[in-house]
N, C-alpha and C. Protein backbone atom coordinates (compact mmCIF):
# COMPACT_ATOMS: atom_id res chain seq x y z
N MET A 1 -39.88 9.99 40.80
CA MET A 1 -39.21 9.95 42.10
C MET A 1 -40.27 9.72 43.15
N LYS A 2 -40.09 8.71 43.94
CA LYS A 2 -40.98 8.41 45.05
C LYS A 2 -40.17 8.37 46.34
N VAL A 3 -40.85 8.63 47.43
CA VAL A 3 -40.23 8.58 48.75
C VAL A 3 -41.04 7.62 49.60
N ARG A 4 -40.37 6.64 50.19
CA ARG A 4 -41.05 5.69 51.08
C ARG A 4 -40.76 6.07 52.51
N PHE A 5 -41.82 6.23 53.29
CA PHE A 5 -41.70 6.53 54.72
C PHE A 5 -42.07 5.30 55.51
N GLN A 6 -41.23 4.89 56.41
CA GLN A 6 -41.55 3.84 57.38
C GLN A 6 -41.80 4.57 58.69
N THR A 7 -43.06 4.68 59.05
CA THR A 7 -43.39 5.49 60.22
C THR A 7 -43.22 4.70 61.51
N LEU A 8 -42.70 5.39 62.49
CA LEU A 8 -42.52 4.80 63.81
C LEU A 8 -43.58 5.32 64.78
N ARG A 9 -44.10 6.51 64.47
CA ARG A 9 -45.18 7.09 65.27
C ARG A 9 -45.73 8.30 64.51
N ALA A 10 -46.85 8.83 64.92
CA ALA A 10 -47.44 10.05 64.37
C ALA A 10 -47.75 9.95 62.87
N LEU A 11 -48.36 8.84 62.46
CA LEU A 11 -48.71 8.66 61.05
C LEU A 11 -49.65 9.75 60.55
N GLU A 12 -50.65 10.09 61.33
CA GLU A 12 -51.62 11.10 60.91
C GLU A 12 -50.95 12.46 60.67
N SER A 13 -50.02 12.81 61.52
CA SER A 13 -49.29 14.07 61.37
C SER A 13 -48.46 14.07 60.09
N LEU A 14 -47.78 12.96 59.81
CA LEU A 14 -47.00 12.84 58.59
C LEU A 14 -47.89 13.00 57.36
N LEU A 15 -49.01 12.30 57.34
CA LEU A 15 -49.90 12.33 56.18
C LEU A 15 -50.50 13.72 55.96
N SER A 16 -50.88 14.38 57.04
CA SER A 16 -51.46 15.72 56.88
C SER A 16 -50.41 16.73 56.41
N THR A 17 -49.16 16.59 56.88
CA THR A 17 -48.09 17.47 56.42
C THR A 17 -47.81 17.26 54.94
N LEU A 18 -47.72 15.99 54.52
CA LEU A 18 -47.50 15.69 53.10
C LEU A 18 -48.63 16.24 52.25
N HIS A 19 -49.86 15.98 52.67
CA HIS A 19 -51.03 16.43 51.91
C HIS A 19 -51.06 17.95 51.76
N ALA A 20 -50.75 18.67 52.83
CA ALA A 20 -50.78 20.14 52.81
C ALA A 20 -49.76 20.71 51.82
N ASP A 21 -48.68 19.96 51.57
CA ASP A 21 -47.65 20.43 50.63
C ASP A 21 -47.87 19.89 49.22
N GLY A 22 -48.94 19.17 48.99
CA GLY A 22 -49.25 18.69 47.65
C GLY A 22 -48.74 17.31 47.30
N TRP A 23 -48.27 16.57 48.29
CA TRP A 23 -47.80 15.21 48.04
C TRP A 23 -49.01 14.27 47.95
N ALA A 24 -48.95 13.35 47.01
CA ALA A 24 -49.93 12.26 46.94
C ALA A 24 -49.28 11.07 47.63
N TRP A 25 -50.06 10.29 48.33
CA TRP A 25 -49.48 9.16 49.05
C TRP A 25 -50.40 7.97 49.00
N GLU A 26 -49.83 6.81 49.22
CA GLU A 26 -50.61 5.58 49.33
C GLU A 26 -49.94 4.70 50.38
N ALA A 27 -50.77 4.01 51.13
CA ALA A 27 -50.26 3.11 52.16
C ALA A 27 -49.96 1.75 51.52
N ASP A 28 -48.81 1.19 51.86
CA ASP A 28 -48.44 -0.14 51.39
C ASP A 28 -48.85 -1.17 52.44
N PRO A 29 -49.07 -2.41 52.01
CA PRO A 29 -49.45 -3.46 52.96
C PRO A 29 -48.42 -3.68 54.07
N ASP A 30 -47.15 -3.32 53.82
CA ASP A 30 -46.13 -3.53 54.84
C ASP A 30 -46.14 -2.45 55.93
N GLY A 31 -47.08 -1.50 55.82
CA GLY A 31 -47.20 -0.45 56.82
C GLY A 31 -46.47 0.83 56.46
N SER A 32 -45.73 0.83 55.36
CA SER A 32 -45.03 2.04 54.94
C SER A 32 -45.95 2.91 54.09
N VAL A 33 -45.51 4.12 53.84
CA VAL A 33 -46.26 5.08 53.03
C VAL A 33 -45.38 5.47 51.86
N LEU A 34 -45.90 5.34 50.64
CA LEU A 34 -45.19 5.74 49.44
C LEU A 34 -45.77 7.06 48.97
N ALA A 35 -44.91 8.08 48.83
CA ALA A 35 -45.39 9.42 48.49
C ALA A 35 -44.67 9.94 47.26
N GLY A 36 -45.38 10.75 46.49
CA GLY A 36 -44.80 11.40 45.33
C GLY A 36 -45.39 12.79 45.18
N HIS A 37 -44.66 13.65 44.51
CA HIS A 37 -45.11 15.02 44.29
C HIS A 37 -44.87 15.36 42.83
N ARG A 38 -45.83 16.00 42.18
CA ARG A 38 -45.72 16.28 40.75
C ARG A 38 -44.54 17.18 40.40
N GLU A 39 -44.05 17.95 41.34
CA GLU A 39 -42.92 18.85 41.08
C GLU A 39 -41.58 18.27 41.50
N VAL A 40 -41.59 17.09 42.08
CA VAL A 40 -40.36 16.47 42.56
C VAL A 40 -39.92 15.40 41.56
N THR A 41 -38.82 15.70 40.86
CA THR A 41 -38.35 14.79 39.83
C THR A 41 -37.05 14.08 40.19
N ASP A 42 -36.41 14.49 41.26
CA ASP A 42 -35.17 13.83 41.66
C ASP A 42 -35.00 13.90 43.18
N GLU A 43 -34.00 13.19 43.66
CA GLU A 43 -33.78 13.11 45.10
C GLU A 43 -33.44 14.46 45.71
N GLY A 44 -32.69 15.28 44.99
CA GLY A 44 -32.32 16.59 45.51
C GLY A 44 -33.54 17.46 45.79
N LEU A 45 -34.47 17.49 44.84
CA LEU A 45 -35.71 18.26 45.04
C LEU A 45 -36.54 17.67 46.18
N ALA A 46 -36.57 16.35 46.27
CA ALA A 46 -37.31 15.71 47.36
C ALA A 46 -36.71 16.10 48.70
N ARG A 47 -35.40 16.09 48.80
CA ARG A 47 -34.74 16.45 50.06
C ARG A 47 -35.02 17.89 50.45
N ILE A 48 -34.99 18.80 49.47
CA ILE A 48 -35.27 20.20 49.76
C ILE A 48 -36.69 20.37 50.31
N ARG A 49 -37.67 19.77 49.65
CA ARG A 49 -39.07 19.91 50.10
C ARG A 49 -39.27 19.29 51.48
N LEU A 50 -38.72 18.08 51.66
CA LEU A 50 -38.90 17.39 52.94
C LEU A 50 -38.20 18.13 54.07
N ASP A 51 -37.04 18.71 53.78
CA ASP A 51 -36.34 19.49 54.80
C ASP A 51 -37.16 20.71 55.18
N ARG A 52 -37.72 21.39 54.19
CA ARG A 52 -38.55 22.57 54.45
C ARG A 52 -39.76 22.22 55.32
N LEU A 53 -40.26 20.99 55.16
CA LEU A 53 -41.41 20.55 55.96
C LEU A 53 -41.01 19.99 57.32
N GLY A 54 -39.71 19.88 57.58
CA GLY A 54 -39.26 19.31 58.84
C GLY A 54 -39.34 17.79 58.87
N LEU A 55 -39.39 17.17 57.68
CA LEU A 55 -39.54 15.72 57.63
C LEU A 55 -38.26 14.99 57.24
N LEU A 56 -37.26 15.71 56.76
CA LEU A 56 -36.06 15.05 56.27
C LEU A 56 -35.31 14.35 57.40
N ILE A 57 -35.18 15.03 58.52
CA ILE A 57 -34.51 14.44 59.68
C ILE A 57 -35.53 14.39 60.81
N SER A 58 -36.03 13.19 61.06
CA SER A 58 -37.05 13.03 62.09
C SER A 58 -36.92 11.65 62.72
N ALA A 59 -37.10 11.61 64.02
CA ALA A 59 -37.08 10.33 64.73
C ALA A 59 -38.41 9.59 64.58
N ALA A 60 -39.40 10.25 63.97
CA ALA A 60 -40.73 9.65 63.83
C ALA A 60 -40.84 8.70 62.65
N HIS A 61 -39.88 8.74 61.71
CA HIS A 61 -39.96 7.87 60.54
C HIS A 61 -38.58 7.74 59.89
N SER A 62 -38.45 6.73 59.07
CA SER A 62 -37.26 6.61 58.24
C SER A 62 -37.69 6.84 56.79
N ILE A 63 -36.75 7.27 55.97
CA ILE A 63 -37.03 7.64 54.59
C ILE A 63 -36.15 6.82 53.65
N GLU A 64 -36.76 6.35 52.58
CA GLU A 64 -36.03 5.68 51.50
C GLU A 64 -36.41 6.37 50.19
N PHE A 65 -35.44 6.87 49.46
CA PHE A 65 -35.70 7.51 48.18
C PHE A 65 -35.70 6.44 47.11
N GLN A 66 -36.76 6.40 46.32
CA GLN A 66 -36.88 5.40 45.27
C GLN A 66 -36.88 6.08 43.91
N HIS A 67 -35.81 5.85 43.19
CA HIS A 67 -35.66 6.45 41.87
C HIS A 67 -36.41 5.61 40.86
N GLU A 68 -37.27 6.26 40.09
CA GLU A 68 -38.03 5.54 39.07
C GLU A 68 -37.13 5.36 37.87
N ARG A 69 -37.22 4.19 37.28
CA ARG A 69 -36.45 3.91 36.08
C ARG A 69 -37.38 3.79 34.89
N ARG A 70 -36.90 4.31 33.79
CA ARG A 70 -37.62 4.13 32.54
C ARG A 70 -37.29 2.76 32.00
N PRO A 71 -38.16 2.18 31.15
CA PRO A 71 -37.86 0.86 30.57
C PRO A 71 -36.48 0.85 29.93
N GLY A 72 -35.72 -0.20 30.19
CA GLY A 72 -34.39 -0.32 29.61
C GLY A 72 -33.29 0.32 30.43
N GLU A 73 -33.63 0.90 31.58
CA GLU A 73 -32.61 1.54 32.41
C GLU A 73 -32.28 0.73 33.66
N GLY A 74 -32.48 -0.56 33.59
CA GLY A 74 -32.19 -1.40 34.74
C GLY A 74 -30.72 -1.41 35.08
N LEU A 75 -30.40 -1.87 36.25
CA LEU A 75 -29.02 -1.89 36.71
C LEU A 75 -28.15 -2.85 35.90
N LEU A 76 -28.77 -3.81 35.23
CA LEU A 76 -28.02 -4.82 34.51
C LEU A 76 -27.70 -4.42 33.07
N ARG A 77 -28.02 -3.21 32.69
CA ARG A 77 -27.69 -2.74 31.34
C ARG A 77 -26.17 -2.64 31.22
N THR A 78 -25.62 -3.27 30.21
CA THR A 78 -24.17 -3.23 30.03
C THR A 78 -23.80 -2.15 29.04
N SER A 79 -22.53 -1.80 29.02
CA SER A 79 -22.08 -0.80 28.05
C SER A 79 -22.27 -1.32 26.64
N ARG A 80 -22.13 -2.64 26.44
CA ARG A 80 -22.34 -3.23 25.11
C ARG A 80 -23.79 -3.07 24.69
N ALA A 81 -24.74 -3.31 25.60
CA ALA A 81 -26.17 -3.15 25.27
C ALA A 81 -26.48 -1.70 24.94
N ARG A 82 -25.90 -0.77 25.68
CA ARG A 82 -26.13 0.65 25.38
C ARG A 82 -25.54 1.02 24.03
N ALA A 83 -24.37 0.46 23.67
CA ALA A 83 -23.76 0.72 22.38
C ALA A 83 -24.63 0.18 21.25
N LEU A 84 -25.20 -1.01 21.43
CA LEU A 84 -26.10 -1.57 20.42
C LEU A 84 -27.33 -0.69 20.25
N ASP A 85 -27.87 -0.19 21.34
CA ASP A 85 -29.02 0.70 21.27
C ASP A 85 -28.67 1.97 20.49
N ALA A 86 -27.49 2.51 20.74
CA ALA A 86 -27.06 3.73 20.05
C ALA A 86 -26.89 3.45 18.55
N ASP A 87 -26.31 2.28 18.19
CA ASP A 87 -26.16 1.93 16.79
C ASP A 87 -27.52 1.80 16.10
N GLN A 88 -28.47 1.15 16.78
CA GLN A 88 -29.81 1.00 16.19
C GLN A 88 -30.50 2.31 16.03
N ALA A 89 -30.30 3.22 16.96
CA ALA A 89 -30.92 4.53 16.86
C ALA A 89 -30.36 5.30 15.66
N ALA A 90 -29.08 5.09 15.37
CA ALA A 90 -28.44 5.80 14.27
C ALA A 90 -28.75 5.18 12.91
N THR A 91 -28.88 3.85 12.87
CA THR A 91 -29.05 3.16 11.57
C THR A 91 -30.43 2.56 11.37
N GLY A 92 -31.23 2.53 12.40
CA GLY A 92 -32.54 1.87 12.32
C GLY A 92 -32.44 0.45 12.81
N PRO A 93 -33.59 -0.19 13.10
CA PRO A 93 -33.57 -1.55 13.63
C PRO A 93 -33.02 -2.56 12.62
N ALA A 94 -32.38 -3.59 13.16
CA ALA A 94 -31.85 -4.65 12.30
C ALA A 94 -33.00 -5.48 11.74
N SER A 95 -32.83 -5.97 10.51
CA SER A 95 -33.89 -6.78 9.92
C SER A 95 -33.69 -8.25 10.20
C-alpha cells in the first residue's frame, strides 16, 4: 500500500511529519511524494495513521491511495482465467 501526496504547500512539514511516524518516502519527478509504511498494508490502516497525524484532511495536499497488486491480479483478470488458475493449482500445470 502506497500513498501519493500532491503537495500544494508546506512540503517540508509534510515530510517531517511522515518521517517522524516511520513513513518512508520518495519524491517523484512530477512533484508528488510517494510514501509507504511497513505497518500499513491497506487503505483503512493508511487512513487511520494519516488521520491521527492530521494529514488525512488537509488543504495543503491531496492524497491518492495506491493499492499494490501482486503479479496476476491486474484489473483485466477474467473469471475464466481465475478458474483456469484454480484448476491448475488443483491438478498441476498442463503439459
